Full PDB file with SEQRES, HELIX, SHEET, SSBOND, CRYST1, ORIGX, SCALE, CONECT and MASTER records, all heavy atoms in Angstrom:
SEQRES   1 A   45  ILE MET GLY TRP TYR ARG GLN ALA PRO GLY LYS GLN ARG          
SEQRES   2 A   45  GLU LEU VAL ALA THR ILE SER THR GLY GLY ARG THR ASN          
SEQRES   3 A   45  TYR ALA ASP SER VAL THR GLY ARG PHE ILE ILE SER ARG          
SEQRES   4 A   45  ASP ASN ALA LYS ASN THR                                      
SHEET    1 AA1 3 MET A   2  ARG A   6  0                                        
SHEET    2 AA1 3 GLU A  14  ILE A  19 -1                                        
SHEET    3 AA1 3 THR A  25  TYR A  27 -1                                        
CRYST1    1.000    1.000    1.000  90.00  90.00  90.00 P 1           1          
ORIGX1      1.000000  0.000000  0.000000        0.00000                         
ORIGX2      0.000000  1.000000  0.000000        0.00000                         
ORIGX3      0.000000  0.000000  1.000000        0.00000                         
SCALE1      1.000000  0.000000  0.000000        0.00000                         
SCALE2      0.000000  1.000000  0.000000        0.00000                         
SCALE3      0.000000  0.000000  1.000000        0.00000                         
ATOM      1  N   ILE A   1       0.864  -1.159   0.014  1.00  0.00           N  
ATOM      2  CA  ILE A   1      -0.018  -0.006   0.005  1.00  0.00           C  
ATOM      3  C   ILE A   1       0.892   1.212  -0.008  1.00  0.00           C  
ATOM      4  O   ILE A   1       1.830   1.339   0.818  1.00  0.00           O  
ATOM      5  CB  ILE A   1      -0.925   0.004   1.228  1.00  0.00           C  
ATOM      6  CG1 ILE A   1      -1.872  -1.171   1.199  1.00  0.00           C  
ATOM      7  CG2 ILE A   1      -1.665   1.324   1.351  1.00  0.00           C  
ATOM      8  CD1 ILE A   1      -2.657  -1.359   2.468  1.00  0.00           C  
ATOM      9  N   MET A   2       0.626   2.132  -0.912  1.00  0.00           N  
ATOM     10  CA  MET A   2       1.458   3.368  -1.009  1.00  0.00           C  
ATOM     11  C   MET A   2       0.659   4.529  -0.432  1.00  0.00           C  
ATOM     12  O   MET A   2      -0.580   4.598  -0.519  1.00  0.00           O  
ATOM     13  CB  MET A   2       1.792   3.636  -2.465  1.00  0.00           C  
ATOM     14  CG  MET A   2       2.586   2.548  -3.140  1.00  0.00           C  
ATOM     15  SD  MET A   2       4.154   2.178  -2.357  1.00  0.00           S  
ATOM     16  CE  MET A   2       5.019   3.735  -2.596  1.00  0.00           C  
ATOM     17  N   GLY A   3       1.398   5.446   0.167  1.00  0.00           N  
ATOM     18  CA  GLY A   3       0.698   6.594   0.766  1.00  0.00           C  
ATOM     19  C   GLY A   3       1.541   7.807   0.951  1.00  0.00           C  
ATOM     20  O   GLY A   3       2.738   7.763   0.666  1.00  0.00           O  
ATOM     21  N   TRP A   4       0.883   8.861   1.317  1.00  0.00           N  
ATOM     22  CA  TRP A   4       1.549  10.132   1.638  1.00  0.00           C  
ATOM     23  C   TRP A   4       1.140  10.545   3.044  1.00  0.00           C  
ATOM     24  O   TRP A   4      -0.029  10.481   3.425  1.00  0.00           O  
ATOM     25  CB  TRP A   4       1.147  11.209   0.646  1.00  0.00           C  
ATOM     26  CG  TRP A   4       1.692  11.024  -0.724  1.00  0.00           C  
ATOM     27  CD1 TRP A   4       1.042  10.391  -1.782  1.00  0.00           C  
ATOM     28  CD2 TRP A   4       2.983  11.435  -1.224  1.00  0.00           C  
ATOM     29  NE1 TRP A   4       1.884  10.373  -2.889  1.00  0.00           N  
ATOM     30  CE2 TRP A   4       3.080  11.013  -2.566  1.00  0.00           C  
ATOM     31  CE3 TRP A   4       4.052  12.067  -0.618  1.00  0.00           C  
ATOM     32  CZ2 TRP A   4       4.170  11.245  -3.356  1.00  0.00           C  
ATOM     33  CZ3 TRP A   4       5.166  12.292  -1.437  1.00  0.00           C  
ATOM     34  CH2 TRP A   4       5.213  11.893  -2.748  1.00  0.00           C  
ATOM     35  N   TYR A   5       2.152  10.979   3.788  1.00  0.00           N  
ATOM     36  CA  TYR A   5       1.951  11.526   5.116  1.00  0.00           C  
ATOM     37  C   TYR A   5       2.592  12.898   5.133  1.00  0.00           C  
ATOM     38  O   TYR A   5       3.371  13.227   4.284  1.00  0.00           O  
ATOM     39  CB  TYR A   5       2.605  10.626   6.220  1.00  0.00           C  
ATOM     40  CG  TYR A   5       1.854   9.315   6.419  1.00  0.00           C  
ATOM     41  CD1 TYR A   5       1.902   8.317   5.447  1.00  0.00           C  
ATOM     42  CD2 TYR A   5       1.179   9.106   7.574  1.00  0.00           C  
ATOM     43  CE1 TYR A   5       1.242   7.111   5.666  1.00  0.00           C  
ATOM     44  CE2 TYR A   5       0.519   7.880   7.805  1.00  0.00           C  
ATOM     45  CZ  TYR A   5       0.544   6.899   6.853  1.00  0.00           C  
ATOM     46  OH  TYR A   5      -0.102   5.724   7.037  1.00  0.00           O  
ATOM     47  N   ARG A   6       2.252  13.692   6.141  1.00  0.00           N  
ATOM     48  CA  ARG A   6       2.870  14.985   6.263  1.00  0.00           C  
ATOM     49  C   ARG A   6       3.088  15.334   7.753  1.00  0.00           C  
ATOM     50  O   ARG A   6       2.398  14.818   8.617  1.00  0.00           O  
ATOM     51  CB  ARG A   6       2.061  16.072   5.614  1.00  0.00           C  
ATOM     52  CG  ARG A   6       0.706  16.321   6.280  1.00  0.00           C  
ATOM     53  CD  ARG A   6      -0.086  17.352   5.436  1.00  0.00           C  
ATOM     54  NE  ARG A   6      -1.373  17.660   6.064  1.00  0.00           N  
ATOM     55  CZ  ARG A   6      -2.330  18.398   5.462  1.00  0.00           C  
ATOM     56  NH1 ARG A   6      -2.136  18.893   4.222  1.00  0.00           N  
ATOM     57  NH2 ARG A   6      -3.479  18.619   6.088  1.00  0.00           N  
ATOM     58  N   GLN A   7       4.073  16.193   7.953  1.00  0.00           N  
ATOM     59  CA  GLN A   7       4.371  16.652   9.333  1.00  0.00           C  
ATOM     60  C   GLN A   7       4.671  18.129   9.288  1.00  0.00           C  
ATOM     61  O   GLN A   7       5.658  18.576   8.665  1.00  0.00           O  
ATOM     62  CB  GLN A   7       5.573  15.847   9.885  1.00  0.00           C  
ATOM     63  CG  GLN A   7       5.827  16.156  11.332  1.00  0.00           C  
ATOM     64  CD  GLN A   7       6.785  15.166  11.974  1.00  0.00           C  
ATOM     65  OE1 GLN A   7       7.523  14.465  11.289  1.00  0.00           O  
ATOM     66  NE2 GLN A   7       6.793  15.076  13.299  1.00  0.00           N  
ATOM     67  N   ALA A   8       3.824  18.860   9.958  1.00  0.00           N  
ATOM     68  CA  ALA A   8       4.015  20.303  10.120  1.00  0.00           C  
ATOM     69  C   ALA A   8       4.868  20.573  11.333  1.00  0.00           C  
ATOM     70  O   ALA A   8       4.926  19.766  12.252  1.00  0.00           O  
ATOM     71  CB  ALA A   8       2.675  20.990  10.211  1.00  0.00           C  
ATOM     72  N   PRO A   9       5.507  21.759  11.390  1.00  0.00           N  
ATOM     73  CA  PRO A   9       6.325  22.101  12.540  1.00  0.00           C  
ATOM     74  C   PRO A   9       5.521  21.992  13.873  1.00  0.00           C  
ATOM     75  O   PRO A   9       4.451  22.557  13.954  1.00  0.00           O  
ATOM     76  CB  PRO A   9       6.749  23.520  12.259  1.00  0.00           C  
ATOM     77  CG  PRO A   9       6.723  23.639  10.758  1.00  0.00           C  
ATOM     78  CD  PRO A   9       5.552  22.804  10.346  1.00  0.00           C  
ATOM     79  N   GLY A  10       6.097  21.300  14.817  1.00  0.00           N  
ATOM     80  CA  GLY A  10       5.461  21.191  16.114  1.00  0.00           C  
ATOM     81  C   GLY A  10       4.320  20.224  16.196  1.00  0.00           C  
ATOM     82  O   GLY A  10       3.643  20.123  17.217  1.00  0.00           O  
ATOM     83  N   LYS A  11       4.020  19.515  15.109  1.00  0.00           N  
ATOM     84  CA  LYS A  11       2.904  18.612  15.075  1.00  0.00           C  
ATOM     85  C   LYS A  11       3.367  17.143  14.740  1.00  0.00           C  
ATOM     86  O   LYS A  11       4.442  16.941  14.216  1.00  0.00           O  
ATOM     87  CB  LYS A  11       1.864  19.058  14.025  1.00  0.00           C  
ATOM     88  CG  LYS A  11       1.208  20.369  14.387  1.00  0.00           C  
ATOM     89  CD  LYS A  11       0.094  20.678  13.421  1.00  0.00           C  
ATOM     90  CE  LYS A  11      -0.641  21.963  13.809  1.00  0.00           C  
ATOM     91  NZ  LYS A  11      -1.757  22.266  12.849  1.00  0.00           N  
ATOM     92  N   GLN A  12       2.508  16.201  15.055  1.00  0.00           N  
ATOM     93  CA  GLN A  12       2.785  14.843  14.723  1.00  0.00           C  
ATOM     94  C   GLN A  12       2.604  14.548  13.219  1.00  0.00           C  
ATOM     95  O   GLN A  12       1.828  15.236  12.589  1.00  0.00           O  
ATOM     96  CB  GLN A  12       1.908  13.880  15.545  1.00  0.00           C  
ATOM     97  CG  GLN A  12       2.257  13.874  17.045  1.00  0.00           C  
ATOM     98  CD  GLN A  12       1.464  12.822  17.791  1.00  0.00           C  
ATOM     99  OE1 GLN A  12       0.362  12.417  17.352  1.00  0.00           O  
ATOM    100  NE2 GLN A  12       2.022  12.358  18.879  1.00  0.00           N  
ATOM    101  N   ARG A  13       3.283  13.557  12.763  1.00  0.00           N  
ATOM    102  CA  ARG A  13       3.107  13.140  11.372  1.00  0.00           C  
ATOM    103  C   ARG A  13       1.667  12.576  11.226  1.00  0.00           C  
ATOM    104  O   ARG A  13       1.184  11.823  12.098  1.00  0.00           O  
ATOM    105  CB  ARG A  13       4.129  12.070  10.996  1.00  0.00           C  
ATOM    106  CG  ARG A  13       4.152  11.713   9.542  1.00  0.00           C  
ATOM    107  CD  ARG A  13       5.341  10.811   9.193  1.00  0.00           C  
ATOM    108  NE  ARG A  13       6.620  11.443   9.507  1.00  0.00           N  
ATOM    109  CZ  ARG A  13       7.806  10.870   9.173  1.00  0.00           C  
ATOM    110  NH1 ARG A  13       7.852   9.728   8.548  1.00  0.00           N  
ATOM    111  NH2 ARG A  13       8.937  11.492   9.529  1.00  0.00           N  
ATOM    112  N   GLU A  14       1.016  12.951  10.134  1.00  0.00           N  
ATOM    113  CA  GLU A  14      -0.371  12.526   9.926  1.00  0.00           C  
ATOM    114  C   GLU A  14      -0.568  11.986   8.533  1.00  0.00           C  
ATOM    115  O   GLU A  14       0.118  12.342   7.570  1.00  0.00           O  
ATOM    116  CB  GLU A  14      -1.291  13.701  10.146  1.00  0.00           C  
ATOM    117  CG  GLU A  14      -1.141  14.859   9.185  1.00  0.00           C  
ATOM    118  CD  GLU A  14      -2.171  15.973   9.405  1.00  0.00           C  
ATOM    119  OE1 GLU A  14      -2.899  15.914  10.364  1.00  0.00           O  
ATOM    120  OE2 GLU A  14      -2.151  16.902   8.566  1.00  0.00           O  
ATOM    121  N   LEU A  15      -1.549  11.144   8.425  1.00  0.00           N  
ATOM    122  CA  LEU A  15      -1.910  10.546   7.156  1.00  0.00           C  
ATOM    123  C   LEU A  15      -2.514  11.595   6.246  1.00  0.00           C  
ATOM    124  O   LEU A  15      -3.353  12.416   6.674  1.00  0.00           O  
ATOM    125  CB  LEU A  15      -2.923   9.428   7.349  1.00  0.00           C  
ATOM    126  CG  LEU A  15      -3.592   8.851   6.079  1.00  0.00           C  
ATOM    127  CD1 LEU A  15      -2.608   8.054   5.323  1.00  0.00           C  
ATOM    128  CD2 LEU A  15      -4.827   8.056   6.437  1.00  0.00           C  
ATOM    129  N   VAL A  16      -2.105  11.574   4.970  1.00  0.00           N  
ATOM    130  CA  VAL A  16      -2.753  12.430   3.939  1.00  0.00           C  
ATOM    131  C   VAL A  16      -3.651  11.610   3.064  1.00  0.00           C  
ATOM    132  O   VAL A  16      -4.822  11.851   2.900  1.00  0.00           O  
ATOM    133  CB  VAL A  16      -1.685  13.183   3.110  1.00  0.00           C  
ATOM    134  CG1 VAL A  16      -2.365  13.982   2.022  1.00  0.00           C  
ATOM    135  CG2 VAL A  16      -0.836  14.078   3.980  1.00  0.00           C  
ATOM    136  N   ALA A  17      -3.051  10.561   2.444  1.00  0.00           N  
ATOM    137  CA  ALA A  17      -3.808   9.698   1.569  1.00  0.00           C  
ATOM    138  C   ALA A  17      -3.085   8.393   1.386  1.00  0.00           C  
ATOM    139  O   ALA A  17      -1.829   8.361   1.459  1.00  0.00           O  
ATOM    140  CB  ALA A  17      -4.020  10.371   0.204  1.00  0.00           C  
ATOM    141  N   THR A  18      -3.824   7.316   1.058  1.00  0.00           N  
ATOM    142  CA  THR A  18      -3.208   6.042   0.735  1.00  0.00           C  
ATOM    143  C   THR A  18      -3.942   5.471  -0.488  1.00  0.00           C  
ATOM    144  O   THR A  18      -5.063   5.863  -0.824  1.00  0.00           O  
ATOM    145  CB  THR A  18      -3.334   5.006   1.863  1.00  0.00           C  
ATOM    146  OG1 THR A  18      -4.742   4.808   2.136  1.00  0.00           O  
ATOM    147  CG2 THR A  18      -2.626   5.505   3.119  1.00  0.00           C  
ATOM    148  N   ILE A  19      -3.241   4.553  -1.161  1.00  0.00           N  
ATOM    149  CA  ILE A  19      -3.813   3.871  -2.339  1.00  0.00           C  
ATOM    150  C   ILE A  19      -3.320   2.422  -2.299  1.00  0.00           C  
ATOM    151  O   ILE A  19      -2.137   2.142  -2.168  1.00  0.00           O  
ATOM    152  CB  ILE A  19      -3.465   4.593  -3.647  1.00  0.00           C  
ATOM    153  CG1 ILE A  19      -4.158   3.906  -4.833  1.00  0.00           C  
ATOM    154  CG2 ILE A  19      -1.947   4.698  -3.868  1.00  0.00           C  
ATOM    155  CD1 ILE A  19      -4.133   4.784  -6.078  1.00  0.00           C  
ATOM    156  N   SER A  20      -4.213   1.494  -2.476  1.00  0.00           N  
ATOM    157  CA  SER A  20      -3.905   0.089  -2.451  1.00  0.00           C  
ATOM    158  C   SER A  20      -3.407  -0.329  -3.795  1.00  0.00           C  
ATOM    159  O   SER A  20      -3.430   0.373  -4.801  1.00  0.00           O  
ATOM    160  CB  SER A  20      -5.138  -0.748  -2.060  1.00  0.00           C  
ATOM    161  OG  SER A  20      -6.087  -0.727  -3.147  1.00  0.00           O  
ATOM    162  N   THR A  21      -2.927  -1.576  -3.856  1.00  0.00           N  
ATOM    163  CA  THR A  21      -2.471  -2.113  -5.158  1.00  0.00           C  
ATOM    164  C   THR A  21      -3.593  -2.172  -6.169  1.00  0.00           C  
ATOM    165  O   THR A  21      -3.308  -2.044  -7.367  1.00  0.00           O  
ATOM    166  CB  THR A  21      -1.865  -3.529  -4.957  1.00  0.00           C  
ATOM    167  OG1 THR A  21      -2.832  -4.363  -4.332  1.00  0.00           O  
ATOM    168  CG2 THR A  21      -0.636  -3.476  -4.073  1.00  0.00           C  
ATOM    169  N   GLY A  22      -4.799  -2.282  -5.700  1.00  0.00           N  
ATOM    170  CA  GLY A  22      -5.921  -2.317  -6.632  1.00  0.00           C  
ATOM    171  C   GLY A  22      -6.523  -0.958  -6.931  1.00  0.00           C  
ATOM    172  O   GLY A  22      -7.528  -0.885  -7.671  1.00  0.00           O  
ATOM    173  N   GLY A  23      -5.929   0.098  -6.344  1.00  0.00           N  
ATOM    174  CA  GLY A  23      -6.393   1.456  -6.658  1.00  0.00           C  
ATOM    175  C   GLY A  23      -7.395   2.022  -5.686  1.00  0.00           C  
ATOM    176  O   GLY A  23      -7.931   3.113  -5.863  1.00  0.00           O  
ATOM    177  N   ARG A  24      -7.670   1.299  -4.576  1.00  0.00           N  
ATOM    178  CA  ARG A  24      -8.610   1.830  -3.571  1.00  0.00           C  
ATOM    179  C   ARG A  24      -7.937   2.968  -2.815  1.00  0.00           C  
ATOM    180  O   ARG A  24      -6.819   2.774  -2.325  1.00  0.00           O  
ATOM    181  CB  ARG A  24      -9.052   0.723  -2.624  1.00  0.00           C  
ATOM    182  CG  ARG A  24     -10.067   1.196  -1.589  1.00  0.00           C  
ATOM    183  CD  ARG A  24     -10.618   0.017  -0.794  1.00  0.00           C  
ATOM    184  NE  ARG A  24     -11.587   0.445   0.197  1.00  0.00           N  
ATOM    185  CZ  ARG A  24     -12.265  -0.402   1.006  1.00  0.00           C  
ATOM    186  NH1 ARG A  24     -12.054  -1.690   0.870  1.00  0.00           N  
ATOM    187  NH2 ARG A  24     -13.138   0.071   1.805  1.00  0.00           N  
ATOM    188  N   THR A  25      -8.593   4.072  -2.685  1.00  0.00           N  
ATOM    189  CA  THR A  25      -8.003   5.247  -2.053  1.00  0.00           C  
ATOM    190  C   THR A  25      -8.648   5.614  -0.731  1.00  0.00           C  
ATOM    191  O   THR A  25      -9.816   5.261  -0.470  1.00  0.00           O  
ATOM    192  CB  THR A  25      -8.091   6.486  -3.011  1.00  0.00           C  
ATOM    193  OG1 THR A  25      -9.447   6.752  -3.300  1.00  0.00           O  
ATOM    194  CG2 THR A  25      -7.298   6.255  -4.272  1.00  0.00           C  
ATOM    195  N   ASN A  26      -7.850   6.296   0.104  1.00  0.00           N  
ATOM    196  CA  ASN A  26      -8.337   6.737   1.360  1.00  0.00           C  
ATOM    197  C   ASN A  26      -7.686   8.137   1.628  1.00  0.00           C  
ATOM    198  O   ASN A  26      -6.468   8.323   1.382  1.00  0.00           O  
ATOM    199  CB  ASN A  26      -7.939   5.808   2.456  1.00  0.00           C  
ATOM    200  CG  ASN A  26      -8.338   6.223   3.840  1.00  0.00           C  
ATOM    201  OD1 ASN A  26      -9.489   6.499   4.082  1.00  0.00           O  
ATOM    202  ND2 ASN A  26      -7.365   6.355   4.766  1.00  0.00           N  
ATOM    203  N   TYR A  27      -8.490   9.066   2.137  1.00  0.00           N  
ATOM    204  CA  TYR A  27      -7.997  10.413   2.312  1.00  0.00           C  
ATOM    205  C   TYR A  27      -8.302  10.941   3.730  1.00  0.00           C  
ATOM    206  O   TYR A  27      -9.347  10.624   4.314  1.00  0.00           O  
ATOM    207  CB  TYR A  27      -8.638  11.394   1.324  1.00  0.00           C  
ATOM    208  CG  TYR A  27      -8.321  11.157  -0.147  1.00  0.00           C  
ATOM    209  CD1 TYR A  27      -9.142  10.375  -0.910  1.00  0.00           C  
ATOM    210  CD2 TYR A  27      -7.163  11.690  -0.708  1.00  0.00           C  
ATOM    211  CE1 TYR A  27      -8.852  10.127  -2.224  1.00  0.00           C  
ATOM    212  CE2 TYR A  27      -6.896  11.483  -2.012  1.00  0.00           C  
ATOM    213  CZ  TYR A  27      -7.744  10.671  -2.789  1.00  0.00           C  
ATOM    214  OH  TYR A  27      -7.423  10.451  -4.099  1.00  0.00           O  
ATOM    215  N   ALA A  28      -7.442  11.798   4.208  1.00  0.00           N  
ATOM    216  CA  ALA A  28      -7.748  12.544   5.426  1.00  0.00           C  
ATOM    217  C   ALA A  28      -8.883  13.503   5.127  1.00  0.00           C  
ATOM    218  O   ALA A  28      -8.956  14.037   3.997  1.00  0.00           O  
ATOM    219  CB  ALA A  28      -6.534  13.312   5.916  1.00  0.00           C  
ATOM    220  N   ASP A  29      -9.693  13.800   6.113  1.00  0.00           N  
ATOM    221  CA  ASP A  29     -10.827  14.667   5.916  1.00  0.00           C  
ATOM    222  C   ASP A  29     -10.350  16.060   5.435  1.00  0.00           C  
ATOM    223  O   ASP A  29     -11.033  16.704   4.664  1.00  0.00           O  
ATOM    224  CB  ASP A  29     -11.644  14.838   7.203  1.00  0.00           C  
ATOM    225  CG  ASP A  29     -12.398  13.564   7.578  1.00  0.00           C  
ATOM    226  OD1 ASP A  29     -12.583  12.697   6.696  1.00  0.00           O  
ATOM    227  OD2 ASP A  29     -12.809  13.446   8.725  1.00  0.00           O  
ATOM    228  N   SER A  30      -9.209  16.474   5.936  1.00  0.00           N  
ATOM    229  CA  SER A  30      -8.721  17.810   5.653  1.00  0.00           C  
ATOM    230  C   SER A  30      -8.304  18.032   4.197  1.00  0.00           C  
ATOM    231  O   SER A  30      -8.185  19.175   3.747  1.00  0.00           O  
ATOM    232  CB  SER A  30      -7.551  18.160   6.572  1.00  0.00           C  
ATOM    233  OG  SER A  30      -6.483  17.192   6.342  1.00  0.00           O  
ATOM    234  N   VAL A  31      -8.101  16.922   3.453  1.00  0.00           N  
ATOM    235  CA  VAL A  31      -7.707  17.091   2.053  1.00  0.00           C  
ATOM    236  C   VAL A  31      -8.700  16.520   1.058  1.00  0.00           C  
ATOM    237  O   VAL A  31      -8.552  16.646  -0.146  1.00  0.00           O  
ATOM    238  CB  VAL A  31      -6.305  16.411   1.823  1.00  0.00           C  
ATOM    239  CG1 VAL A  31      -5.305  16.959   2.795  1.00  0.00           C  
ATOM    240  CG2 VAL A  31      -6.394  14.906   1.881  1.00  0.00           C  
ATOM    241  N   THR A  32      -9.739  15.864   1.580  1.00  0.00           N  
ATOM    242  CA  THR A  32     -10.747  15.277   0.694  1.00  0.00           C  
ATOM    243  C   THR A  32     -11.380  16.342  -0.216  1.00  0.00           C  
ATOM    244  O   THR A  32     -11.747  17.421   0.252  1.00  0.00           O  
ATOM    245  CB  THR A  32     -11.858  14.614   1.525  1.00  0.00           C  
ATOM    246  OG1 THR A  32     -11.267  13.528   2.264  1.00  0.00           O  
ATOM    247  CG2 THR A  32     -12.949  14.035   0.630  1.00  0.00           C  
ATOM    248  N   GLY A  33     -11.372  16.024  -1.468  1.00  0.00           N  
ATOM    249  CA  GLY A  33     -11.932  16.973  -2.457  1.00  0.00           C  
ATOM    250  C   GLY A  33     -10.917  17.916  -3.031  1.00  0.00           C  
ATOM    251  O   GLY A  33     -11.196  18.612  -4.037  1.00  0.00           O  
ATOM    252  N   ARG A  34      -9.739  17.960  -2.421  1.00  0.00           N  
ATOM    253  CA  ARG A  34      -8.667  18.855  -2.927  1.00  0.00           C  
ATOM    254  C   ARG A  34      -7.461  18.078  -3.432  1.00  0.00           C  
ATOM    255  O   ARG A  34      -6.779  18.490  -4.389  1.00  0.00           O  
ATOM    256  CB  ARG A  34      -8.193  19.789  -1.804  1.00  0.00           C  
ATOM    257  CG  ARG A  34      -9.337  20.671  -1.314  1.00  0.00           C  
ATOM    258  CD  ARG A  34      -8.724  21.744  -0.323  1.00  0.00           C  
ATOM    259  NE  ARG A  34      -8.129  21.145   0.843  1.00  0.00           N  
ATOM    260  CZ  ARG A  34      -6.844  21.359   1.177  1.00  0.00           C  
ATOM    261  NH1 ARG A  34      -6.051  22.161   0.446  1.00  0.00           N  
ATOM    262  NH2 ARG A  34      -6.392  20.779   2.314  1.00  0.00           N  
ATOM    263  N   PHE A  35      -7.149  16.961  -2.806  1.00  0.00           N  
ATOM    264  CA  PHE A  35      -5.945  16.150  -3.201  1.00  0.00           C  
ATOM    265  C   PHE A  35      -6.415  14.859  -3.833  1.00  0.00           C  
ATOM    266  O   PHE A  35      -7.484  14.303  -3.517  1.00  0.00           O  
ATOM    267  CB  PHE A  35      -5.125  15.756  -1.957  1.00  0.00           C  
ATOM    268  CG  PHE A  35      -4.470  16.929  -1.250  1.00  0.00           C  
ATOM    269  CD1 PHE A  35      -4.706  18.246  -1.584  1.00  0.00           C  
ATOM    270  CD2 PHE A  35      -3.492  16.681  -0.279  1.00  0.00           C  
ATOM    271  CE1 PHE A  35      -4.027  19.274  -0.979  1.00  0.00           C  
ATOM    272  CE2 PHE A  35      -2.824  17.707   0.372  1.00  0.00           C  
ATOM    273  CZ  PHE A  35      -3.101  19.032   0.024  1.00  0.00           C  
ATOM    274  N   ILE A  36      -5.592  14.378  -4.760  1.00  0.00           N  
ATOM    275  CA  ILE A  36      -5.878  13.103  -5.448  1.00  0.00           C  
ATOM    276  C   ILE A  36      -4.605  12.291  -5.450  1.00  0.00           C  
ATOM    277  O   ILE A  36      -3.543  12.750  -5.927  1.00  0.00           O  
ATOM    278  CB  ILE A  36      -6.320  13.349  -6.911  1.00  0.00           C  
ATOM    279  CG1 ILE A  36      -7.604  14.185  -6.925  1.00  0.00           C  
ATOM    280  CG2 ILE A  36      -6.576  12.027  -7.604  1.00  0.00           C  
ATOM    281  CD1 ILE A  36      -8.042  14.622  -8.312  1.00  0.00           C  
ATOM    282  N   ILE A  37      -4.712  11.061  -4.956  1.00  0.00           N  
ATOM    283  CA  ILE A  37      -3.574  10.138  -4.996  1.00  0.00           C  
ATOM    284  C   ILE A  37      -3.799   9.154  -6.110  1.00  0.00           C  
ATOM    285  O   ILE A  37      -4.942   8.717  -6.383  1.00  0.00           O  
ATOM    286  CB  ILE A  37      -3.413   9.396  -3.651  1.00  0.00           C  
ATOM    287  CG1 ILE A  37      -2.129   8.608  -3.607  1.00  0.00           C  
ATOM    288  CG2 ILE A  37      -4.627   8.531  -3.314  1.00  0.00           C  
ATOM    289  CD1 ILE A  37      -1.759   8.046  -2.209  1.00  0.00           C  
ATOM    290  N   SER A  38      -2.712   8.830  -6.814  1.00  0.00           N  
ATOM    291  CA  SER A  38      -2.817   7.864  -7.889  1.00  0.00           C  
ATOM    292  C   SER A  38      -1.502   7.102  -8.024  1.00  0.00           C  
ATOM    293  O   SER A  38      -0.495   7.502  -7.452  1.00  0.00           O  
ATOM    294  CB  SER A  38      -3.155   8.593  -9.234  1.00  0.00           C  
ATOM    295  OG  SER A  38      -2.117   9.523  -9.561  1.00  0.00           O  
ATOM    296  N   ARG A  39      -1.548   5.987  -8.738  1.00  0.00           N  
ATOM    297  CA  ARG A  39      -0.316   5.228  -8.918  1.00  0.00           C  
ATOM    298  C   ARG A  39      -0.200   4.740 -10.352  1.00  0.00           C  
ATOM    299  O   ARG A  39      -1.227   4.427 -10.995  1.00  0.00           O  
ATOM    300  CB  ARG A  39      -0.219   4.059  -7.943  1.00  0.00           C  
ATOM    301  CG  ARG A  39      -1.341   3.043  -8.058  1.00  0.00           C  
ATOM    302  CD  ARG A  39      -1.381   2.078  -6.813  1.00  0.00           C  
ATOM    303  NE  ARG A  39      -0.172   1.283  -6.751  1.00  0.00           N  
ATOM    304  CZ  ARG A  39       0.230   0.647  -5.669  1.00  0.00           C  
ATOM    305  NH1 ARG A  39      -0.499   0.742  -4.542  1.00  0.00           N  
ATOM    306  NH2 ARG A  39       1.319  -0.113  -5.672  1.00  0.00           N  
ATOM    307  N   ASP A  40       1.036   4.746 -10.830  1.00  0.00           N  
ATOM    308  CA  ASP A  40       1.327   4.213 -12.161  1.00  0.00           C  
ATOM    309  C   ASP A  40       2.169   2.992 -11.994  1.00  0.00           C  
ATOM    310  O   ASP A  40       3.368   3.048 -11.707  1.00  0.00           O  
ATOM    311  CB  ASP A  40       2.068   5.275 -12.986  1.00  0.00           C  
ATOM    312  CG  ASP A  40       2.268   4.865 -14.465  1.00  0.00           C  
ATOM    313  OD1 ASP A  40       2.358   3.631 -14.695  1.00  0.00           O  
ATOM    314  OD2 ASP A  40       2.398   5.714 -15.263  1.00  0.00           O  
ATOM    315  N   ASN A  41       1.531   1.840 -12.078  1.00  0.00           N  
ATOM    316  CA  ASN A  41       2.250   0.568 -11.829  1.00  0.00           C  
ATOM    317  C   ASN A  41       3.358   0.294 -12.815  1.00  0.00           C  
ATOM    318  O   ASN A  41       4.374  -0.359 -12.498  1.00  0.00           O  
ATOM    319  CB  ASN A  41       1.268  -0.578 -11.801  1.00  0.00           C  
ATOM    320  CG  ASN A  41       0.305  -0.494 -10.661  1.00  0.00           C  
ATOM    321  OD1 ASN A  41       0.649   0.065  -9.561  1.00  0.00           O  
ATOM    322  ND2 ASN A  41      -0.904  -1.017 -10.820  1.00  0.00           N  
ATOM    323  N   ALA A  42       3.233   0.811 -14.046  1.00  0.00           N  
ATOM    324  CA  ALA A  42       4.280   0.629 -15.051  1.00  0.00           C  
ATOM    325  C   ALA A  42       5.545   1.385 -14.691  1.00  0.00           C  
ATOM    326  O   ALA A  42       6.634   0.995 -15.070  1.00  0.00           O  
ATOM    327  CB  ALA A  42       3.754   1.014 -16.401  1.00  0.00           C  
ATOM    328  N   LYS A  43       5.358   2.502 -13.983  1.00  0.00           N  
ATOM    329  CA  LYS A  43       6.536   3.344 -13.634  1.00  0.00           C  
ATOM    330  C   LYS A  43       6.915   3.192 -12.143  1.00  0.00           C  
ATOM    331  O   LYS A  43       7.831   3.886 -11.679  1.00  0.00           O  
ATOM    332  CB  LYS A  43       6.185   4.794 -13.922  1.00  0.00           C  
ATOM    333  CG  LYS A  43       5.963   5.083 -15.402  1.00  0.00           C  
ATOM    334  CD  LYS A  43       5.699   6.585 -15.621  1.00  0.00           C  
ATOM    335  CE  LYS A  43       5.529   6.875 -17.099  1.00  0.00           C  
ATOM    336  NZ  LYS A  43       5.240   8.308 -17.320  1.00  0.00           N  
ATOM    337  N   ASN A  44       6.197   2.319 -11.416  1.00  0.00           N  
ATOM    338  CA  ASN A  44       6.478   2.151  -9.977  1.00  0.00           C  
ATOM    339  C   ASN A  44       6.461   3.502  -9.226  1.00  0.00           C  
ATOM    340  O   ASN A  44       7.312   3.788  -8.373  1.00  0.00           O  
ATOM    341  CB  ASN A  44       7.866   1.494  -9.746  1.00  0.00           C  
ATOM    342  CG  ASN A  44       7.912   0.105 -10.365  1.00  0.00           C  
ATOM    343  OD1 ASN A  44       6.887  -0.633 -10.417  1.00  0.00           O  
ATOM    344  ND2 ASN A  44       9.081  -0.299 -10.836  1.00  0.00           N  
ATOM    345  N   THR A  45       5.513   4.306  -9.592  1.00  0.00           N  
ATOM    346  CA  THR A  45       5.435   5.651  -9.039  1.00  0.00           C  
ATOM    347  C   THR A  45       4.040   5.967  -8.512  1.00  0.00           C  
ATOM    348  O   THR A  45       3.018   5.585  -9.130  1.00  0.00           O  
ATOM    349  CB  THR A  45       5.798   6.670 -10.154  1.00  0.00           C  
ATOM    350  OG1 THR A  45       7.123   6.431 -10.628  1.00  0.00           O  
ATOM    351  CG2 THR A  45       5.764   8.089  -9.592  1.00  0.00           C  
TER     352      THR A  45                                                      
MASTER        0    0    0    0    3    0    0    6  351    1    0    4          
END                                                                             
């Protein structure tokens, strides 16, 4: 499962978004509707 996390100064690291091998996505409430996670399996990216 691939994902993005973030850490702001003075704060704990938090989940931003994840994507499974099958393309299922999950987002933090704070970024839903603004951020999009995707994966290109051919490029391992």
